[in-house]
Amino acid sequence: MSTNDNKAPATWLSQDAHDRLQAELDELIANRPVIAAEINARREEGDLRENGGYHAAREEQGKAEGRILYLKELLRTAQVGEAPTADVVSPGMVVTIYFDDDKDDTETFLLGSREIAATTDLTVYSPESALGRAILGGRPGQACTYTAPSGADIKVTIVSFEPFSG
């Protein structure tokens, strides 16, 4: 088994999305002393077992630190710029599919990082989602089946795809 077998597809971010996420990360890091000061102020209020403000401040700190770690890793590994063109469905593509055998029941979405969702009106599906995994590597006209969270098998057919242009 090679080491690339479990490698996740690259996350493509537009320069705008990358800059927005970097600004969010910088703000979270700059806010660390404020959260620490809030925790210290709440700690001085007395009994920690019954101190809701203290526990809320600690929870806020945990969420912020989790987001910092996530953003650092995402920005470290993301590909910035235009997604490459490809002859098969891959991350960074705008994909149109139809459901079952009903060519009128179509959906067009971006296969990519949820972080880019704020920069587009398109629905965004992760390549790791059930639908994303089913269509990765697919070509127009190819039918794929995936299992929805409800347990139902859903058949989709790839109509077309193109690189996301932002």
N, C-alpha and C. Protein backbone atom coordinates (compact mmCIF):
# COMPACT_ATOMS: atom_id res chain seq x y z
N MET A 1 0.84 -1.18 0.00
CA MET A 1 0.00 0.00 0.00
C MET A 1 0.88 1.24 0.00
N SER A 2 0.69 2.09 -0.98
CA SER A 2 1.51 3.29 -1.05
C SER A 2 0.96 4.35 -0.10
N THR A 3 1.77 5.34 0.19
CA THR A 3 1.36 6.38 1.13
C THR A 3 0.33 7.32 0.52
N ASN A 4 0.16 7.31 -0.80
CA ASN A 4 -0.80 8.21 -1.44
C ASN A 4 -2.21 7.66 -1.44
N ASP A 5 -2.42 6.40 -1.04
CA ASP A 5 -3.75 5.80 -1.09
C ASP A 5 -4.76 6.54 -0.22
N ASN A 6 -4.33 7.12 0.87
CA ASN A 6 -5.25 7.80 1.78
C ASN A 6 -5.14 9.31 1.68
N LYS A 7 -4.43 9.81 0.69
CA LYS A 7 -4.24 11.25 0.56
C LYS A 7 -5.54 11.91 0.10
N ALA A 8 -5.98 12.90 0.84
CA ALA A 8 -7.21 13.61 0.48
C ALA A 8 -6.92 14.49 -0.74
N PRO A 9 -7.93 14.72 -1.57
CA PRO A 9 -7.72 15.61 -2.70
C PRO A 9 -7.38 17.01 -2.21
N ALA A 10 -6.63 17.73 -3.01
CA ALA A 10 -6.23 19.08 -2.63
C ALA A 10 -7.45 19.97 -2.49
N THR A 11 -7.40 20.88 -1.52
CA THR A 11 -8.45 21.88 -1.37
C THR A 11 -8.02 23.10 -2.18
N TRP A 12 -8.85 23.48 -3.12
CA TRP A 12 -8.56 24.65 -3.95
C TRP A 12 -9.29 25.84 -3.38
N LEU A 13 -8.57 26.93 -3.19
CA LEU A 13 -9.17 28.17 -2.71
C LEU A 13 -8.82 29.29 -3.68
N SER A 14 -9.79 30.14 -3.97
CA SER A 14 -9.48 31.34 -4.74
C SER A 14 -8.59 32.22 -3.86
N GLN A 15 -7.91 33.16 -4.46
CA GLN A 15 -7.06 34.07 -3.67
C GLN A 15 -7.91 34.84 -2.68
N ASP A 16 -9.13 35.22 -3.09
CA ASP A 16 -10.04 35.96 -2.21
C ASP A 16 -10.41 35.10 -0.99
N ALA A 17 -10.77 33.85 -1.22
CA ALA A 17 -11.14 32.96 -0.11
C ALA A 17 -9.95 32.73 0.81
N HIS A 18 -8.77 32.54 0.23
CA HIS A 18 -7.56 32.34 1.03
C HIS A 18 -7.30 33.57 1.90
N ASP A 19 -7.39 34.75 1.31
CA ASP A 19 -7.13 35.98 2.06
C ASP A 19 -8.14 36.17 3.18
N ARG A 20 -9.42 35.85 2.91
CA ARG A 20 -10.46 35.97 3.92
C ARG A 20 -10.20 35.03 5.10
N LEU A 21 -9.82 33.79 4.79
CA LEU A 21 -9.53 32.82 5.84
C LEU A 21 -8.27 33.20 6.62
N GLN A 22 -7.27 33.74 5.92
CA GLN A 22 -6.05 34.18 6.61
C GLN A 22 -6.37 35.33 7.56
N ALA A 23 -7.25 36.24 7.14
CA ALA A 23 -7.66 37.36 8.01
C ALA A 23 -8.42 36.84 9.23
N GLU A 24 -9.28 35.84 9.03
CA GLU A 24 -10.00 35.25 10.16
C GLU A 24 -9.01 34.62 11.13
N LEU A 25 -8.03 33.88 10.61
CA LEU A 25 -7.02 33.25 11.46
C LEU A 25 -6.23 34.31 12.24
N ASP A 26 -5.80 35.35 11.56
CA ASP A 26 -5.05 36.42 12.22
C ASP A 26 -5.88 37.06 13.34
N GLU A 27 -7.16 37.27 13.09
CA GLU A 27 -8.04 37.87 14.11
C GLU A 27 -8.21 36.93 15.31
N LEU A 28 -8.38 35.65 15.05
CA LEU A 28 -8.51 34.68 16.14
C LEU A 28 -7.25 34.65 17.00
N ILE A 29 -6.09 34.67 16.35
CA ILE A 29 -4.83 34.65 17.10
C ILE A 29 -4.67 35.93 17.91
N ALA A 30 -5.02 37.06 17.30
CA ALA A 30 -4.90 38.35 18.00
C ALA A 30 -5.86 38.42 19.18
N ASN A 31 -6.97 37.67 19.13
CA ASN A 31 -7.98 37.71 20.19
C ASN A 31 -7.64 36.77 21.36
N ARG A 32 -6.60 35.97 21.23
CA ARG A 32 -6.24 35.03 22.31
C ARG A 32 -6.06 35.72 23.66
N PRO A 33 -5.32 36.84 23.74
CA PRO A 33 -5.14 37.49 25.05
C PRO A 33 -6.46 37.98 25.65
N VAL A 34 -7.40 38.39 24.81
CA VAL A 34 -8.69 38.88 25.30
C VAL A 34 -9.44 37.73 25.97
N ILE A 35 -9.44 36.56 25.32
CA ILE A 35 -10.13 35.39 25.90
C ILE A 35 -9.44 34.96 27.19
N ALA A 36 -8.11 34.95 27.19
CA ALA A 36 -7.37 34.57 28.41
C ALA A 36 -7.68 35.54 29.55
N ALA A 37 -7.77 36.83 29.25
CA ALA A 37 -8.10 37.82 30.29
C ALA A 37 -9.51 37.60 30.83
N GLU A 38 -10.44 37.24 29.94
CA GLU A 38 -11.81 36.96 30.36
C GLU A 38 -11.85 35.75 31.30
N ILE A 39 -11.08 34.71 30.96
CA ILE A 39 -11.03 33.52 31.81
C ILE A 39 -10.47 33.87 33.19
N ASN A 40 -9.39 34.66 33.20
CA ASN A 40 -8.79 35.06 34.48
C ASN A 40 -9.75 35.90 35.31
N ALA A 41 -10.47 36.82 34.67
CA ALA A 41 -11.42 37.66 35.39
C ALA A 41 -12.54 36.81 35.99
N ARG A 42 -13.03 35.86 35.22
CA ARG A 42 -14.10 34.99 35.70
C ARG A 42 -13.61 34.05 36.80
N ARG A 43 -12.36 33.61 36.70
CA ARG A 43 -11.79 32.72 37.71
C ARG A 43 -11.74 33.42 39.08
N GLU A 44 -11.49 34.72 39.04
CA GLU A 44 -11.38 35.47 40.29
C GLU A 44 -12.73 35.72 40.96
N GLU A 45 -13.82 35.36 40.27
CA GLU A 45 -15.15 35.58 40.84
C GLU A 45 -15.49 34.56 41.92
N GLY A 46 -14.69 33.51 42.04
CA GLY A 46 -14.95 32.55 43.12
C GLY A 46 -15.11 31.14 42.64
N ASP A 47 -15.98 30.40 43.32
CA ASP A 47 -16.21 28.96 43.11
C ASP A 47 -16.43 28.63 41.63
N LEU A 48 -15.49 27.87 41.05
CA LEU A 48 -15.55 27.56 39.62
C LEU A 48 -16.67 26.57 39.28
N ARG A 49 -17.11 25.78 40.25
CA ARG A 49 -18.16 24.80 39.96
C ARG A 49 -19.49 25.47 39.61
N GLU A 50 -19.72 26.65 40.14
CA GLU A 50 -20.98 27.34 39.90
C GLU A 50 -20.78 28.65 39.15
N ASN A 51 -19.69 28.74 38.42
CA ASN A 51 -19.34 29.98 37.73
C ASN A 51 -19.59 29.80 36.23
N GLY A 52 -20.82 30.12 35.80
CA GLY A 52 -21.19 29.97 34.39
C GLY A 52 -20.35 30.81 33.46
N GLY A 53 -19.99 32.01 33.88
CA GLY A 53 -19.17 32.89 33.05
C GLY A 53 -17.81 32.30 32.77
N TYR A 54 -17.22 31.66 33.78
CA TYR A 54 -15.92 31.02 33.63
C TYR A 54 -16.02 29.88 32.62
N HIS A 55 -17.03 29.03 32.80
CA HIS A 55 -17.17 27.87 31.90
C HIS A 55 -17.48 28.32 30.46
N ALA A 56 -18.26 29.38 30.31
CA ALA A 56 -18.56 29.91 28.97
C ALA A 56 -17.28 30.45 28.31
N ALA A 57 -16.46 31.15 29.10
CA ALA A 57 -15.21 31.68 28.56
C ALA A 57 -14.26 30.56 28.15
N ARG A 58 -14.22 29.49 28.96
CA ARG A 58 -13.37 28.34 28.61
C ARG A 58 -13.87 27.66 27.33
N GLU A 59 -15.21 27.56 27.20
CA GLU A 59 -15.79 26.94 26.00
C GLU A 59 -15.46 27.78 24.77
N GLU A 60 -15.57 29.10 24.90
CA GLU A 60 -15.23 30.00 23.79
C GLU A 60 -13.76 29.84 23.41
N GLN A 61 -12.90 29.70 24.41
CA GLN A 61 -11.48 29.50 24.14
C GLN A 61 -11.26 28.19 23.38
N GLY A 62 -11.93 27.14 23.79
CA GLY A 62 -11.78 25.85 23.12
C GLY A 62 -12.22 25.90 21.66
N LYS A 63 -13.34 26.56 21.41
CA LYS A 63 -13.83 26.70 20.04
C LYS A 63 -12.85 27.50 19.20
N ALA A 64 -12.34 28.59 19.75
CA ALA A 64 -11.39 29.44 19.02
C ALA A 64 -10.11 28.67 18.71
N GLU A 65 -9.60 27.93 19.67
CA GLU A 65 -8.37 27.16 19.44
C GLU A 65 -8.58 26.07 18.40
N GLY A 66 -9.75 25.44 18.43
CA GLY A 66 -10.06 24.42 17.42
C GLY A 66 -10.11 25.03 16.03
N ARG A 67 -10.73 26.19 15.90
CA ARG A 67 -10.81 26.87 14.61
C ARG A 67 -9.42 27.31 14.15
N ILE A 68 -8.59 27.78 15.06
CA ILE A 68 -7.21 28.18 14.72
C ILE A 68 -6.45 26.98 14.13
N LEU A 69 -6.54 25.83 14.81
CA LEU A 69 -5.84 24.64 14.31
C LEU A 69 -6.35 24.23 12.94
N TYR A 70 -7.68 24.26 12.76
CA TYR A 70 -8.28 23.89 11.48
C TYR A 70 -7.81 24.83 10.37
N LEU A 71 -7.87 26.15 10.62
CA LEU A 71 -7.49 27.12 9.60
C LEU A 71 -6.00 27.03 9.27
N LYS A 72 -5.16 26.83 10.27
CA LYS A 72 -3.72 26.70 10.01
C LYS A 72 -3.44 25.54 9.07
N GLU A 73 -4.07 24.40 9.33
CA GLU A 73 -3.86 23.21 8.49
C GLU A 73 -4.45 23.42 7.10
N LEU A 74 -5.65 23.98 7.02
CA LEU A 74 -6.27 24.22 5.72
C LEU A 74 -5.41 25.15 4.88
N LEU A 75 -4.96 26.25 5.45
CA LEU A 75 -4.16 27.22 4.70
C LEU A 75 -2.78 26.67 4.36
N ARG A 76 -2.26 25.79 5.21
CA ARG A 76 -0.95 25.19 4.94
C ARG A 76 -1.01 24.25 3.74
N THR A 77 -2.12 23.55 3.58
CA THR A 77 -2.21 22.52 2.55
C THR A 77 -3.00 22.93 1.31
N ALA A 78 -3.71 24.05 1.36
CA ALA A 78 -4.57 24.45 0.23
C ALA A 78 -3.75 24.87 -0.98
N GLN A 79 -4.32 24.61 -2.12
CA GLN A 79 -3.78 25.11 -3.38
C GLN A 79 -4.52 26.42 -3.65
N VAL A 80 -3.78 27.48 -3.91
CA VAL A 80 -4.39 28.79 -4.13
C VAL A 80 -4.30 29.14 -5.60
N GLY A 81 -5.40 29.62 -6.14
CA GLY A 81 -5.43 30.00 -7.55
C GLY A 81 -6.58 29.32 -8.24
N GLU A 82 -6.45 29.15 -9.51
CA GLU A 82 -7.50 28.51 -10.29
C GLU A 82 -7.34 27.00 -10.23
N ALA A 83 -8.45 26.30 -10.09
CA ALA A 83 -8.42 24.83 -10.09
C ALA A 83 -7.97 24.36 -11.47
N PRO A 84 -7.22 23.27 -11.52
CA PRO A 84 -6.73 22.80 -12.81
C PRO A 84 -7.88 22.23 -13.64
N THR A 85 -7.71 22.31 -14.95
CA THR A 85 -8.69 21.68 -15.81
C THR A 85 -8.41 20.18 -15.79
N ALA A 86 -9.45 19.41 -15.97
CA ALA A 86 -9.30 17.96 -15.94
C ALA A 86 -10.35 17.35 -16.85
N ASP A 87 -10.11 16.11 -17.27
CA ASP A 87 -11.10 15.46 -18.13
C ASP A 87 -12.03 14.56 -17.32
N VAL A 88 -11.89 14.59 -15.99
CA VAL A 88 -12.79 13.87 -15.09
C VAL A 88 -13.18 14.80 -13.95
N VAL A 89 -14.27 14.48 -13.26
CA VAL A 89 -14.72 15.28 -12.13
C VAL A 89 -13.65 15.25 -11.05
N SER A 90 -13.26 16.44 -10.56
CA SER A 90 -12.27 16.54 -9.50
C SER A 90 -12.61 17.76 -8.64
N PRO A 91 -11.99 17.87 -7.47
CA PRO A 91 -12.26 19.03 -6.61
C PRO A 91 -11.98 20.33 -7.36
N GLY A 92 -12.82 21.32 -7.11
CA GLY A 92 -12.67 22.60 -7.78
C GLY A 92 -13.51 22.71 -9.03
N MET A 93 -14.35 21.71 -9.27
CA MET A 93 -15.21 21.70 -10.46
C MET A 93 -16.64 22.08 -10.10
N VAL A 94 -17.30 22.79 -11.02
CA VAL A 94 -18.73 23.02 -10.94
C VAL A 94 -19.36 21.88 -11.73
N VAL A 95 -20.20 21.09 -11.06
CA VAL A 95 -20.74 19.86 -11.64
C VAL A 95 -22.25 19.97 -11.75
N THR A 96 -22.79 19.51 -12.87
CA THR A 96 -24.24 19.40 -13.04
C THR A 96 -24.57 17.91 -13.14
N ILE A 97 -25.56 17.49 -12.35
CA ILE A 97 -26.01 16.10 -12.35
C ILE A 97 -27.52 16.07 -12.50
N TYR A 98 -28.06 14.92 -12.84
CA TYR A 98 -29.50 14.72 -12.69
C TYR A 98 -29.73 13.47 -11.87
N PHE A 99 -30.88 13.46 -11.17
CA PHE A 99 -31.20 12.39 -10.23
C PHE A 99 -32.01 11.30 -10.89
N ASP A 100 -31.77 10.06 -10.45
CA ASP A 100 -32.43 8.88 -10.99
C ASP A 100 -32.34 8.93 -12.51
N ASP A 101 -33.42 8.75 -13.18
CA ASP A 101 -33.38 8.83 -14.64
C ASP A 101 -34.20 10.00 -15.14
N ASP A 102 -34.37 11.02 -14.28
CA ASP A 102 -35.19 12.19 -14.61
C ASP A 102 -34.27 13.35 -15.02
N LYS A 103 -34.13 13.55 -16.33
CA LYS A 103 -33.22 14.59 -16.83
C LYS A 103 -33.67 16.01 -16.47
N ASP A 104 -34.91 16.16 -15.99
CA ASP A 104 -35.40 17.47 -15.57
C ASP A 104 -35.08 17.76 -14.10
N ASP A 105 -34.68 16.75 -13.34
CA ASP A 105 -34.36 16.90 -11.91
C ASP A 105 -32.85 17.07 -11.77
N THR A 106 -32.37 18.28 -12.09
CA THR A 106 -30.92 18.52 -12.10
C THR A 106 -30.49 19.35 -10.90
N GLU A 107 -29.20 19.28 -10.63
CA GLU A 107 -28.59 20.13 -9.61
C GLU A 107 -27.19 20.48 -10.08
N THR A 108 -26.84 21.75 -9.92
CA THR A 108 -25.50 22.22 -10.25
C THR A 108 -24.87 22.70 -8.95
N PHE A 109 -23.65 22.25 -8.68
CA PHE A 109 -22.99 22.56 -7.42
C PHE A 109 -21.48 22.59 -7.62
N LEU A 110 -20.80 23.12 -6.62
CA LEU A 110 -19.34 23.15 -6.61
C LEU A 110 -18.84 21.99 -5.76
N LEU A 111 -17.94 21.23 -6.30
CA LEU A 111 -17.29 20.16 -5.54
C LEU A 111 -16.02 20.75 -4.95
N GLY A 112 -16.04 21.06 -3.65
CA GLY A 112 -14.88 21.71 -3.07
C GLY A 112 -15.04 21.92 -1.59
N SER A 113 -14.20 22.76 -1.05
CA SER A 113 -14.15 23.04 0.37
C SER A 113 -15.35 23.88 0.79
N ARG A 114 -15.91 23.57 1.96
CA ARG A 114 -17.02 24.37 2.47
C ARG A 114 -16.55 25.79 2.77
N GLU A 115 -15.25 25.99 2.90
CA GLU A 115 -14.73 27.32 3.19
C GLU A 115 -14.95 28.29 2.04
N ILE A 116 -15.10 27.75 0.83
CA ILE A 116 -15.31 28.62 -0.31
C ILE A 116 -16.78 28.99 -0.48
N ALA A 117 -17.65 28.35 0.30
CA ALA A 117 -19.09 28.57 0.19
C ALA A 117 -19.46 30.05 0.35
N ALA A 118 -18.72 30.79 1.15
CA ALA A 118 -19.04 32.20 1.37
C ALA A 118 -18.73 33.05 0.15
N THR A 119 -18.00 32.51 -0.81
CA THR A 119 -17.61 33.30 -1.97
C THR A 119 -18.44 32.96 -3.20
N THR A 120 -19.46 32.11 -3.06
CA THR A 120 -20.27 31.71 -4.21
C THR A 120 -21.72 31.47 -3.78
N ASP A 121 -22.63 31.63 -4.73
CA ASP A 121 -24.03 31.32 -4.47
C ASP A 121 -24.32 29.84 -4.72
N LEU A 122 -23.35 29.12 -5.27
CA LEU A 122 -23.54 27.70 -5.54
C LEU A 122 -23.58 26.89 -4.25
N THR A 123 -24.32 25.81 -4.26
CA THR A 123 -24.24 24.83 -3.18
C THR A 123 -22.86 24.20 -3.28
N VAL A 124 -22.23 23.91 -2.15
CA VAL A 124 -20.90 23.31 -2.15
C VAL A 124 -20.97 21.95 -1.48
N TYR A 125 -20.49 20.93 -2.18
CA TYR A 125 -20.38 19.58 -1.62
C TYR A 125 -18.90 19.24 -1.48
N SER A 126 -18.55 18.67 -0.37
CA SER A 126 -17.19 18.25 -0.12
C SER A 126 -16.86 17.02 -0.97
N PRO A 127 -15.62 16.91 -1.44
CA PRO A 127 -15.21 15.68 -2.14
C PRO A 127 -15.29 14.46 -1.23
N GLU A 128 -15.31 14.68 0.10
CA GLU A 128 -15.39 13.57 1.05
C GLU A 128 -16.83 13.17 1.35
N SER A 129 -17.81 13.96 0.87
CA SER A 129 -19.22 13.62 1.09
C SER A 129 -19.57 12.38 0.28
N ALA A 130 -20.72 11.78 0.60
CA ALA A 130 -21.14 10.58 -0.13
C ALA A 130 -21.30 10.88 -1.62
N LEU A 131 -21.94 11.99 -1.96
CA LEU A 131 -22.10 12.38 -3.36
C LEU A 131 -20.74 12.68 -3.98
N GLY A 132 -19.91 13.43 -3.27
CA GLY A 132 -18.59 13.79 -3.78
C GLY A 132 -17.74 12.56 -4.11
N ARG A 133 -17.72 11.60 -3.19
CA ARG A 133 -16.94 10.37 -3.43
C ARG A 133 -17.48 9.60 -4.63
N ALA A 134 -18.81 9.61 -4.81
CA ALA A 134 -19.43 8.85 -5.90
C ALA A 134 -19.06 9.41 -7.27
N ILE A 135 -18.98 10.74 -7.38
CA ILE A 135 -18.77 11.34 -8.71
C ILE A 135 -17.31 11.64 -9.01
N LEU A 136 -16.42 11.62 -8.01
CA LEU A 136 -15.00 11.89 -8.26
C LEU A 136 -14.48 10.95 -9.33
N GLY A 137 -13.81 11.52 -10.32
CA GLY A 137 -13.25 10.70 -11.39
C GLY A 137 -14.25 10.36 -12.47
N GLY A 138 -15.49 10.84 -12.32
CA GLY A 138 -16.53 10.53 -13.30
C GLY A 138 -16.43 11.40 -14.54
N ARG A 139 -17.15 10.97 -15.58
CA ARG A 139 -17.20 11.69 -16.85
C ARG A 139 -18.66 11.96 -17.22
N PRO A 140 -18.90 12.93 -18.12
CA PRO A 140 -20.28 13.20 -18.54
C PRO A 140 -20.95 11.93 -19.06
N GLY A 141 -22.22 11.77 -18.66
CA GLY A 141 -22.98 10.59 -19.07
C GLY A 141 -22.84 9.41 -18.13
N GLN A 142 -21.88 9.46 -17.23
CA GLN A 142 -21.65 8.35 -16.31
C GLN A 142 -22.66 8.39 -15.17
N ALA A 143 -23.26 7.24 -14.87
CA ALA A 143 -24.19 7.12 -13.75
C ALA A 143 -23.44 6.61 -12.54
N CYS A 144 -23.76 7.16 -11.38
CA CYS A 144 -23.13 6.78 -10.12
C CYS A 144 -24.23 6.60 -9.07
N THR A 145 -24.00 5.74 -8.12
CA THR A 145 -24.95 5.56 -7.03
C THR A 145 -24.21 5.80 -5.71
N TYR A 146 -24.88 6.50 -4.81
CA TYR A 146 -24.32 6.70 -3.47
C TYR A 146 -25.41 6.48 -2.44
N THR A 147 -24.99 6.23 -1.22
CA THR A 147 -25.93 6.01 -0.13
C THR A 147 -26.08 7.30 0.66
N ALA A 148 -27.30 7.80 0.73
CA ALA A 148 -27.59 9.03 1.47
C ALA A 148 -27.55 8.74 2.96
N PRO A 149 -27.44 9.79 3.79
CA PRO A 149 -27.45 9.58 5.24
C PRO A 149 -28.69 8.84 5.74
N SER A 150 -29.80 8.94 4.99
CA SER A 150 -31.02 8.24 5.38
C SER A 150 -30.93 6.75 5.11
N GLY A 151 -29.89 6.32 4.37
CA GLY A 151 -29.72 4.92 4.04
C GLY A 151 -30.22 4.58 2.64
N ALA A 152 -30.90 5.52 1.99
CA ALA A 152 -31.42 5.29 0.65
C ALA A 152 -30.30 5.37 -0.38
N ASP A 153 -30.35 4.49 -1.38
CA ASP A 153 -29.41 4.56 -2.49
C ASP A 153 -29.95 5.56 -3.51
N ILE A 154 -29.09 6.50 -3.90
CA ILE A 154 -29.50 7.54 -4.84
C ILE A 154 -28.63 7.44 -6.08
N LYS A 155 -29.30 7.37 -7.23
CA LYS A 155 -28.59 7.30 -8.51
C LYS A 155 -28.53 8.68 -9.11
N VAL A 156 -27.35 9.09 -9.55
CA VAL A 156 -27.17 10.36 -10.24
C VAL A 156 -26.39 10.10 -11.53
N THR A 157 -26.62 10.96 -12.49
CA THR A 157 -25.88 10.89 -13.74
C THR A 157 -25.19 12.23 -13.94
N ILE A 158 -23.91 12.19 -14.26
CA ILE A 158 -23.13 13.41 -14.48
C ILE A 158 -23.51 13.97 -15.85
N VAL A 159 -23.95 15.23 -15.88
CA VAL A 159 -24.30 15.90 -17.13
C VAL A 159 -23.08 16.60 -17.68
N SER A 160 -22.45 17.45 -16.85
CA SER A 160 -21.30 18.22 -17.29
C SER A 160 -20.51 18.71 -16.08
N PHE A 161 -19.31 19.22 -16.34
CA PHE A 161 -18.51 19.85 -15.29
C PHE A 161 -17.53 20.81 -15.94
N GLU A 162 -17.11 21.80 -15.15
CA GLU A 162 -16.13 22.77 -15.61
C GLU A 162 -15.40 23.34 -14.41
N PRO A 163 -14.19 23.85 -14.61
CA PRO A 163 -13.46 24.43 -13.47
C PRO A 163 -14.23 25.60 -12.87
N PHE A 164 -14.20 25.70 -11.55
CA PHE A 164 -14.83 26.81 -10.84
C PHE A 164 -14.03 28.08 -11.12
N SER A 165 -14.71 29.13 -11.52
CA SER A 165 -14.00 30.36 -11.86
C SER A 165 -14.19 31.45 -10.80
N GLY A 166 -14.93 31.13 -9.75
CA GLY A 166 -15.13 32.11 -8.68
C GLY A 166 -16.31 32.93 -8.98
